[in-house]
Protein backbone atom coordinates (compact mmCIF):
# COMPACT_ATOMS: atom_id res chain seq x y z
CA MET A 1 -27.26 -20.07 -11.68
CA THR A 2 -24.71 -18.27 -10.44
CA ASP A 3 -23.35 -14.86 -7.92
CA THR A 4 -20.95 -12.50 -9.28
CA GLU A 5 -18.95 -11.24 -5.97
CA VAL A 6 -15.99 -8.79 -6.32
CA THR A 7 -12.79 -9.66 -4.74
CA ALA A 8 -12.00 -7.09 -1.51
CA PRO A 9 -9.07 -5.30 -2.22
CA GLN A 10 -6.35 -5.30 0.02
CA VAL A 11 -6.37 -1.72 1.22
CA LEU A 12 -3.12 -0.07 2.90
CA ILE A 13 -3.40 3.41 4.58
CA LEU A 14 -0.54 4.92 5.35
CA ALA A 15 -0.40 7.24 7.37
CA CYS A 16 1.06 10.13 9.90
CA GLY A 17 0.68 8.81 13.51
CA ALA A 18 -1.16 11.90 14.52
CA LEU A 19 -4.33 10.44 12.43
CA ALA A 20 -3.27 7.21 14.14
CA ARG A 21 -6.31 6.58 16.72
CA GLU A 22 -9.23 8.21 14.15
CA LEU A 23 -7.95 5.83 11.73
CA LEU A 24 -8.21 3.01 13.98
CA ALA A 25 -11.96 3.93 14.69
CA ILE A 26 -13.32 5.05 11.10
CA ILE A 27 -11.75 1.27 9.83
CA ASP A 28 -13.57 0.19 13.06
CA ALA A 29 -16.78 1.54 12.70
CA ASN A 30 -16.87 0.06 9.18
CA GLY A 31 -15.85 -3.81 9.81
CA TRP A 32 -13.53 -3.56 7.26
CA LYS A 33 -11.08 -6.65 7.60
CA ASN A 34 -9.12 -6.00 4.28
CA VAL A 35 -7.62 -2.86 5.04
CA THR A 36 -4.23 -2.29 6.99
CA LEU A 37 -3.00 0.59 8.78
CA ASP A 38 0.81 1.49 8.98
CA CYS A 39 2.06 5.05 10.47
CA LEU A 40 4.50 7.22 10.07
CA PRO A 41 6.17 9.20 13.20
CA ALA A 42 3.72 12.41 13.72
CA ASP A 43 7.08 14.37 14.64
CA LEU A 44 8.01 14.12 10.96
CA HIS A 45 5.75 17.63 11.00
CA ASN A 46 8.43 19.17 12.89
CA ARG A 47 10.21 18.53 9.62
CA PRO A 48 7.57 18.35 6.75
CA LYS A 49 10.37 18.18 4.25
CA GLU A 50 11.54 14.90 5.31
CA ILE A 51 7.99 13.50 5.25
CA PRO A 52 8.18 12.17 1.26
CA ALA A 53 11.70 10.53 1.64
CA ALA A 54 9.39 8.26 4.71
CA VAL A 55 6.75 7.55 2.52
CA THR A 56 8.72 6.85 -0.33
CA GLU A 57 10.62 4.29 2.14
CA ARG A 58 7.72 2.05 3.63
CA LEU A 59 6.03 2.19 0.76
CA GLY A 60 9.28 0.10 -0.36
CA ARG A 61 8.23 -2.19 2.41
CA HIS A 62 4.61 -2.79 1.40
CA ARG A 63 3.84 -1.86 -2.74
CA ARG A 64 3.81 -5.63 -3.90
CA ARG A 65 1.16 -6.78 -0.95
CA PHE A 66 -1.32 -3.99 -1.41
CA ASP A 67 -4.15 -3.49 -3.88
CA LYS A 68 -5.10 0.35 -3.20
CA ILE A 69 -2.42 2.91 -1.07
CA LEU A 70 -4.23 5.84 0.07
CA LEU A 71 -2.02 8.29 2.17
CA GLY A 72 -3.48 9.35 5.50
CA TYR A 73 -1.32 12.83 4.73
CA ALA A 74 -2.64 16.14 3.86
CA ASP A 75 -0.27 18.02 2.22
CA CYS A 76 1.30 18.68 5.62
CA GLY A 77 4.04 21.38 4.52
CA THR A 78 5.88 19.65 1.79
CA GLY A 79 4.50 22.60 -0.70
CA GLY A 80 3.13 19.85 -3.15
CA ASP A 81 6.10 17.44 -2.43
CA LEU A 82 3.41 14.80 -1.43
CA ASP A 83 1.52 14.94 -4.65
CA ARG A 84 4.14 14.73 -7.15
CA LEU A 85 5.11 11.63 -5.02
CA CYS A 86 1.59 9.92 -5.33
CA ALA A 87 1.63 10.62 -8.80
CA THR A 88 4.73 9.26 -9.57
CA GLU A 89 3.75 5.99 -6.98
CA GLY A 90 0.31 5.90 -8.25
CA ILE A 91 -1.85 6.46 -5.54
CA GLU A 92 -3.57 8.79 -3.55
CA ARG A 93 -3.81 10.98 -0.24
CA LEU A 94 -6.89 12.68 1.56
CA PRO A 95 -7.43 15.75 0.28
CA GLY A 96 -6.99 19.15 1.94
CA ALA A 97 -3.64 21.53 2.79
CA HIS A 98 -2.96 20.06 6.73
CA CYS A 99 -4.75 18.22 9.23
CA TYR A 100 -7.01 21.13 10.43
CA GLU A 101 -8.46 21.65 7.50
CA LEU A 102 -9.30 17.80 6.80
CA PHE A 103 -11.26 17.91 10.41
CA ALA A 104 -12.92 21.11 10.00
CA GLY A 105 -13.42 20.57 6.70
CA ALA A 106 -12.07 23.39 3.82
CA GLU A 107 -15.58 26.22 4.10
CA THR A 108 -14.88 26.31 8.22
CA PHE A 109 -11.49 26.65 7.83
CA ALA A 110 -11.21 29.04 5.68
CA GLU A 111 -13.62 30.95 7.77
CA LEU A 112 -11.76 30.55 10.81
CA HIS A 113 -8.41 31.69 8.89
CA ARG A 114 -11.06 34.45 7.92
CA VAL A 115 -11.85 35.83 11.20
CA GLU A 116 -8.27 36.20 12.94
CA PRO A 117 -5.31 34.88 10.74
CA GLY A 118 -3.18 34.60 13.88
CA THR A 119 -4.79 31.48 15.12
CA PHE A 120 -2.61 28.46 16.13
CA TYR A 121 -4.90 25.08 16.29
CA LEU A 122 -4.70 22.15 18.01
CA THR A 123 -6.41 18.54 17.11
CA ASP A 124 -7.28 15.89 19.82
CA TYR A 125 -3.64 14.14 18.84
CA LEU A 126 -1.80 17.63 19.58
CA ALA A 127 -3.78 18.95 22.46
CA ARG A 128 -3.04 15.09 24.34
CA HIS A 129 1.11 15.93 23.21
CA PHE A 130 1.12 19.55 23.45
CA ASP A 131 4.12 19.76 25.97
CA ARG A 132 6.04 16.92 23.39
CA LEU A 133 5.29 18.48 20.19
CA VAL A 134 5.00 21.62 20.77
CA LEU A 135 7.37 23.10 23.79
CA SER A 136 9.74 20.05 23.52
CA GLY A 137 9.37 19.99 19.46
CA LEU A 138 10.12 23.29 18.54
CA GLY A 139 13.12 23.86 22.00
CA ILE A 140 10.82 26.12 23.94
CA ASP A 141 11.48 24.58 26.78
CA ALA A 142 14.40 24.49 26.78
CA HIS A 143 15.01 27.97 25.49
CA PRO A 144 11.96 30.09 26.37
CA GLU A 145 12.59 32.90 23.82
CA LEU A 146 12.07 30.99 21.33
CA GLU A 147 8.33 31.39 22.52
CA GLU A 148 7.95 34.97 20.80
CA MET A 149 9.18 33.83 18.00
CA TYR A 150 7.24 30.98 17.39
CA PHE A 151 3.49 32.88 18.78
CA GLY A 152 4.31 36.30 19.22
CA ASN A 153 1.80 36.84 16.33
CA TYR A 154 -0.87 34.38 17.45
CA ARG A 155 -3.78 35.92 18.40
CA ARG A 156 -6.21 32.96 19.69
CA LEU A 157 -6.09 28.99 20.10
CA VAL A 158 -8.85 27.08 18.32
CA TYR A 159 -8.98 23.54 19.49
CA LEU A 160 -10.43 21.16 16.25
CA ALA A 161 -12.14 18.26 18.97
CA GLN A 162 -12.64 15.19 17.40
CA VAL A 163 -14.48 13.71 20.34
CA GLU A 164 -15.72 14.64 23.33
CA ASP A 165 -13.62 14.35 26.09
CA PRO A 166 -13.05 16.91 29.26
CA GLU A 167 -9.75 15.69 30.06
CA LEU A 168 -8.25 16.86 26.25
CA VAL A 169 -10.50 20.06 26.56
CA ASP A 170 -8.53 21.00 29.90
CA ARG A 171 -5.28 19.74 27.78
CA ALA A 172 -6.36 22.48 25.04
CA ARG A 173 -6.98 25.44 27.56
CA ALA A 174 -4.04 24.77 29.58
CA ALA A 175 -2.35 25.16 26.21
CA ALA A 176 -3.76 28.31 24.94
CA ASN A 177 -3.51 29.77 28.82
CA ARG A 178 0.05 28.52 28.12
CA LEU A 179 0.44 30.59 24.90
CA ALA A 180 -1.13 33.41 26.44
CA LEU A 181 -4.30 33.26 23.59
CA GLU A 182 -7.67 33.40 23.43
CA PHE A 183 -9.10 29.93 23.73
CA GLU A 184 -11.92 28.37 21.37
CA ILE A 185 -13.46 24.86 21.04
CA ARG A 186 -14.93 23.54 17.72
CA THR A 187 -16.35 20.15 17.71
CA THR A 188 -15.39 18.57 14.37
CA GLY A 189 -15.79 14.31 14.22
CA TYR A 190 -13.49 13.14 11.61
CA GLY A 191 -14.30 15.45 8.83
CA ASP A 192 -12.92 14.65 5.90
CA VAL A 193 -10.06 11.67 7.45
CA ALA A 194 -13.11 9.90 7.43
CA ALA A 195 -14.81 11.07 4.22
CA GLY A 196 -12.40 10.72 2.27
CA THR A 197 -11.23 7.35 3.62
CA VAL A 198 -14.54 5.44 3.49
CA LYS A 199 -14.64 6.81 -0.13
CA PHE A 200 -11.52 5.50 -1.36
CA VAL A 201 -11.75 2.49 0.13
CA ASN A 202 -15.27 1.55 -1.16
CA THR A 203 -13.86 2.39 -4.85
CA LYS A 204 -13.06 -0.70 -6.69
CA ALA A 205 -9.35 -1.06 -7.40
CA LYS A 206 -8.73 -0.94 -11.39
CA GLY A 207 -7.68 -4.37 -12.21
CA LEU A 208 -9.77 -6.17 -9.49
CA THR A 209 -11.26 -9.84 -10.92
CA THR A 210 -14.64 -11.13 -9.80
CA LEU A 211 -15.37 -14.12 -8.93
CA GLU A 212 -18.03 -16.54 -10.29
CA THR A 213 -19.83 -18.26 -7.34
CA SER A 214 -22.41 -20.65 -7.64
CA PRO A 215 -25.29 -21.22 -3.95
């Protein structure tokens, strides 16, 4: 009598650095030993048209080593270029237009936008690195006149919290005060980042064989 054992696929998650903590936590929580995480710089979000080329270059280093590849990005301002890349490369990405929708969920994010279109969003990562990615990254610290250009039409800041961390809440509230925006917090957990990753990893890769083992 034999048991049939499915070969564990080697999985690569090639992701935005802004999701690194969350994805590492998801990998650890699920005990996945066959999943490798590689991240691209988070500040590419300030230059979204550069994301597909950076992804393509990094894929070239990994493609032959893995059975399955998940792109740890939403569309992220690429105007569909990541979807076209995924179709060409035969890989998948996380669902959604951006990380805010990934964490909040499509319905909740749509309602937040409906209630106040002039909303600026922070995640844990952006709350932690607000000064570097927003104030410095957008040039506001060096050119204060840019603040009105970027944020003049915003009315509130919504902090989408992945974990309960009073320090991050304080940082997010300070960011709202810095931009003179109303402050709101929504605890989202890992949202569709977790759901999409778990679904992808637990789906058998095409073409994998089974091993026949004897007791």
